[in-house]
Amino acid sequence: MSNIHAVIYTKPHCMPCKMTTKLMDSLGMPYENTYYGNSEQTNSIELDSKDESKRTWSEKKVEKLKEKYQITSLPLIKIIDDETGEELEFWSGFRPEKIKKWNSEI
């Protein structure tokens, strides 16, 4: 399986989020951290943002992520099949063993 990538949701000043992206970067693992393909907007959850649209997006995204994935912490990582768009796995928190496992599939 080589056509996969990760989608990551993070928050500012989150050590597990930083460790996750740092490990993925060091492995050369492909991931998206922007939403709707808009390179100007990141998947960073910023509930205290001064930008009202970012704050509103963050509030709505938190509710959706909690409801769909039953998570209580970030980062949230989803592994996506590029060909089908299917979500193959998801997890929250810094999980180096999962990152390395999926990176070896690429």
C-alpha atoms as a PDB file:
ATOM      1  CA  MET A   1       0.000   0.000   0.000  1.00  0.00           C
ATOM      2  CA  SER A   2       1.675   3.191  -1.066  1.00  0.00           C
ATOM      3  CA  ASN A   3      -1.099   5.663  -1.777  1.00  0.00           C
ATOM      4  CA  ILE A   4      -1.914   6.849   1.714  1.00  0.00           C
ATOM      5  CA  HIS A   5      -1.450  10.033   3.668  1.00  0.00           C
ATOM      6  CA  ALA A   6      -2.316  11.365   7.111  1.00  0.00           C
ATOM      7  CA  VAL A   7      -4.600  14.226   8.007  1.00  0.00           C
ATOM      8  CA  ILE A   8      -3.660  15.929  11.274  1.00  0.00           C
ATOM      9  CA  TYR A   9      -5.656  18.187  13.593  1.00  0.00           C
ATOM     10  CA  THR A  10      -3.529  20.054  16.121  1.00  0.00           C
ATOM     11  CA  LYS A  11      -3.647  22.998  18.519  1.00  0.00           C
ATOM     12  CA  PRO A  12      -1.073  25.678  19.296  1.00  0.00           C
ATOM     13  CA  HIS A  13       1.402  25.052  22.123  1.00  0.00           C
ATOM     14  CA  CYS A  14       0.531  21.321  22.168  1.00  0.00           C
ATOM     15  CA  MET A  15       3.637  19.232  22.820  1.00  0.00           C
ATOM     16  CA  PRO A  16       2.136  15.926  21.567  1.00  0.00           C
ATOM     17  CA  CYS A  17       1.043  17.772  18.393  1.00  0.00           C
ATOM     18  CA  LYS A  18       4.551  19.143  17.835  1.00  0.00           C
ATOM     19  CA  MET A  19       6.140  15.744  18.511  1.00  0.00           C
ATOM     20  CA  THR A  20       3.765  14.086  16.029  1.00  0.00           C
ATOM     21  CA  THR A  21       4.487  16.489  13.183  1.00  0.00           C
ATOM     22  CA  LYS A  22       8.226  16.453  13.963  1.00  0.00           C
ATOM     23  CA  LEU A  23       8.344  12.637  13.764  1.00  0.00           C
ATOM     24  CA  MET A  24       6.304  12.580  10.552  1.00  0.00           C
ATOM     25  CA  ASP A  25       8.564  15.242   9.038  1.00  0.00           C
ATOM     26  CA  SER A  26      11.710  13.331  10.036  1.00  0.00           C
ATOM     27  CA  LEU A  27      10.321  10.151   8.423  1.00  0.00           C
ATOM     28  CA  GLY A  28       9.163  11.986   5.318  1.00  0.00           C
ATOM     29  CA  MET A  29       5.620  10.766   5.907  1.00  0.00           C
ATOM     30  CA  PRO A  30       3.045  12.648   3.824  1.00  0.00           C
ATOM     31  CA  TYR A  31       0.360  14.485   5.758  1.00  0.00           C
ATOM     32  CA  GLU A  32      -2.152  17.283   5.349  1.00  0.00           C
ATOM     33  CA  ASN A  33      -2.599  19.881   7.995  1.00  0.00           C
ATOM     34  CA  THR A  34      -4.758  22.261   6.010  1.00  0.00           C
ATOM     35  CA  TYR A  35      -8.494  22.136   5.579  1.00  0.00           C
ATOM     36  CA  TYR A  36     -10.430  21.994   2.349  1.00  0.00           C
ATOM     37  CA  GLY A  37      -7.184  22.282   0.416  1.00  0.00           C
ATOM     38  CA  ASN A  38      -6.818  25.907   1.537  1.00  0.00           C
ATOM     39  CA  SER A  39      -3.108  26.387   2.195  1.00  0.00           C
ATOM     40  CA  GLU A  40      -3.880  29.626   4.030  1.00  0.00           C
ATOM     41  CA  GLN A  41      -5.858  27.830   6.757  1.00  0.00           C
ATOM     42  CA  THR A  42      -4.429  25.090   8.954  1.00  0.00           C
ATOM     43  CA  ASN A  43      -6.204  22.338  10.866  1.00  0.00           C
ATOM     44  CA  SER A  44      -4.963  23.979  14.058  1.00  0.00           C
ATOM     45  CA  ILE A  45      -7.794  24.154  16.591  1.00  0.00           C
ATOM     46  CA  GLU A  46      -7.682  27.692  17.992  1.00  0.00           C
ATOM     47  CA  LEU A  47     -10.624  28.335  20.290  1.00  0.00           C
ATOM     48  CA  ASP A  48      -9.134  31.629  21.475  1.00  0.00           C
ATOM     49  CA  SER A  49      -8.203  32.973  18.038  1.00  0.00           C
ATOM     50  CA  LYS A  50      -8.684  36.689  17.447  1.00  0.00           C
ATOM     51  CA  ASP A  51      -9.885  35.772  13.938  1.00  0.00           C
ATOM     52  CA  GLU A  52     -13.626  35.178  14.310  1.00  0.00           C
ATOM     53  CA  SER A  53     -13.874  32.823  11.330  1.00  0.00           C
ATOM     54  CA  LYS A  54     -10.988  30.690  12.652  1.00  0.00           C
ATOM     55  CA  ARG A  55     -12.517  30.641  16.129  1.00  0.00           C
ATOM     56  CA  THR A  56     -15.936  29.651  14.729  1.00  0.00           C
ATOM     57  CA  TRP A  57     -14.377  26.933  12.538  1.00  0.00           C
ATOM     58  CA  SER A  58     -12.433  25.642  15.562  1.00  0.00           C
ATOM     59  CA  GLU A  59     -15.526  25.499  17.773  1.00  0.00           C
ATOM     60  CA  LYS A  60     -17.500  23.591  15.142  1.00  0.00           C
ATOM     61  CA  LYS A  61     -14.590  21.268  14.380  1.00  0.00           C
ATOM     62  CA  VAL A  62     -14.087  20.393  18.064  1.00  0.00           C
ATOM     63  CA  GLU A  63     -17.740  19.370  18.362  1.00  0.00           C
ATOM     64  CA  LYS A  64     -17.586  17.290  15.161  1.00  0.00           C
ATOM     65  CA  LEU A  65     -14.345  15.551  16.170  1.00  0.00           C
ATOM     66  CA  LYS A  66     -15.653  14.786  19.675  1.00  0.00           C
ATOM     67  CA  GLU A  67     -18.893  13.391  18.269  1.00  0.00           C
ATOM     68  CA  LYS A  68     -17.411  11.337  15.447  1.00  0.00           C
ATOM     69  CA  TYR A  69     -14.175  10.089  17.043  1.00  0.00           C
ATOM     70  CA  GLN A  70     -14.965  10.255  20.768  1.00  0.00           C
ATOM     71  CA  ILE A  71     -11.619  11.967  21.423  1.00  0.00           C
ATOM     72  CA  THR A  72     -10.658  14.139  24.365  1.00  0.00           C
ATOM     73  CA  SER A  73      -7.214  15.304  23.252  1.00  0.00           C
ATOM     74  CA  LEU A  74      -5.215  16.306  20.210  1.00  0.00           C
ATOM     75  CA  PRO A  75      -3.542  15.671  17.892  1.00  0.00           C
ATOM     76  CA  LEU A  76      -6.041  13.637  15.928  1.00  0.00           C
ATOM     77  CA  ILE A  77      -4.432  11.686  13.090  1.00  0.00           C
ATOM     78  CA  LYS A  78      -6.447  10.043  10.337  1.00  0.00           C
ATOM     79  CA  ILE A  79      -4.852   7.711   7.779  1.00  0.00           C
ATOM     80  CA  ILE A  80      -6.517   8.121   4.384  1.00  0.00           C
ATOM     81  CA  ASP A  81      -6.350   5.919   1.270  1.00  0.00           C
ATOM     82  CA  ASP A  82      -5.621   8.333  -1.587  1.00  0.00           C
ATOM     83  CA  GLU A  83      -7.369   6.211  -4.205  1.00  0.00           C
ATOM     84  CA  THR A  84     -10.657   5.580  -2.406  1.00  0.00           C
ATOM     85  CA  GLY A  85     -10.711   8.378   0.165  1.00  0.00           C
ATOM     86  CA  GLU A  86     -11.410   5.702   2.788  1.00  0.00           C
ATOM     87  CA  GLU A  87     -10.306   6.351   6.341  1.00  0.00           C
ATOM     88  CA  LEU A  88      -8.105   3.383   7.256  1.00  0.00           C
ATOM     89  CA  GLU A  89      -7.404   4.236  10.890  1.00  0.00           C
ATOM     90  CA  PHE A  90      -7.480   7.122  13.350  1.00  0.00           C
ATOM     91  CA  TRP A  91      -6.043   7.856  16.767  1.00  0.00           C
ATOM     92  CA  SER A  92      -5.388  10.745  19.091  1.00  0.00           C
ATOM     93  CA  GLY A  93      -2.248  11.672  20.968  1.00  0.00           C
ATOM     94  CA  PHE A  94       1.418  11.118  20.173  1.00  0.00           C
ATOM     95  CA  ARG A  95       1.648   7.488  19.046  1.00  0.00           C
ATOM     96  CA  PRO A  96       5.092   6.938  17.480  1.00  0.00           C
ATOM     97  CA  GLU A  97       4.489   3.203  16.971  1.00  0.00           C
ATOM     98  CA  LYS A  98       1.413   3.920  14.820  1.00  0.00           C
ATOM     99  CA  ILE A  99       3.205   6.617  12.853  1.00  0.00           C
ATOM    100  CA  LYS A 100       6.123   4.279  12.146  1.00  0.00           C
ATOM    101  CA  LYS A 101       3.769   1.402  11.241  1.00  0.00           C
ATOM    102  CA  TRP A 102       1.858   3.486   8.704  1.00  0.00           C
ATOM    103  CA  ASN A 103       5.008   5.113   7.384  1.00  0.00           C
ATOM    104  CA  SER A 104       6.369   1.619   6.614  1.00  0.00           C
ATOM    105  CA  GLU A 105       3.245   1.002   4.483  1.00  0.00           C
ATOM    106  CA  ILE A 106       4.084   3.890   2.173  1.00  0.00           C
END
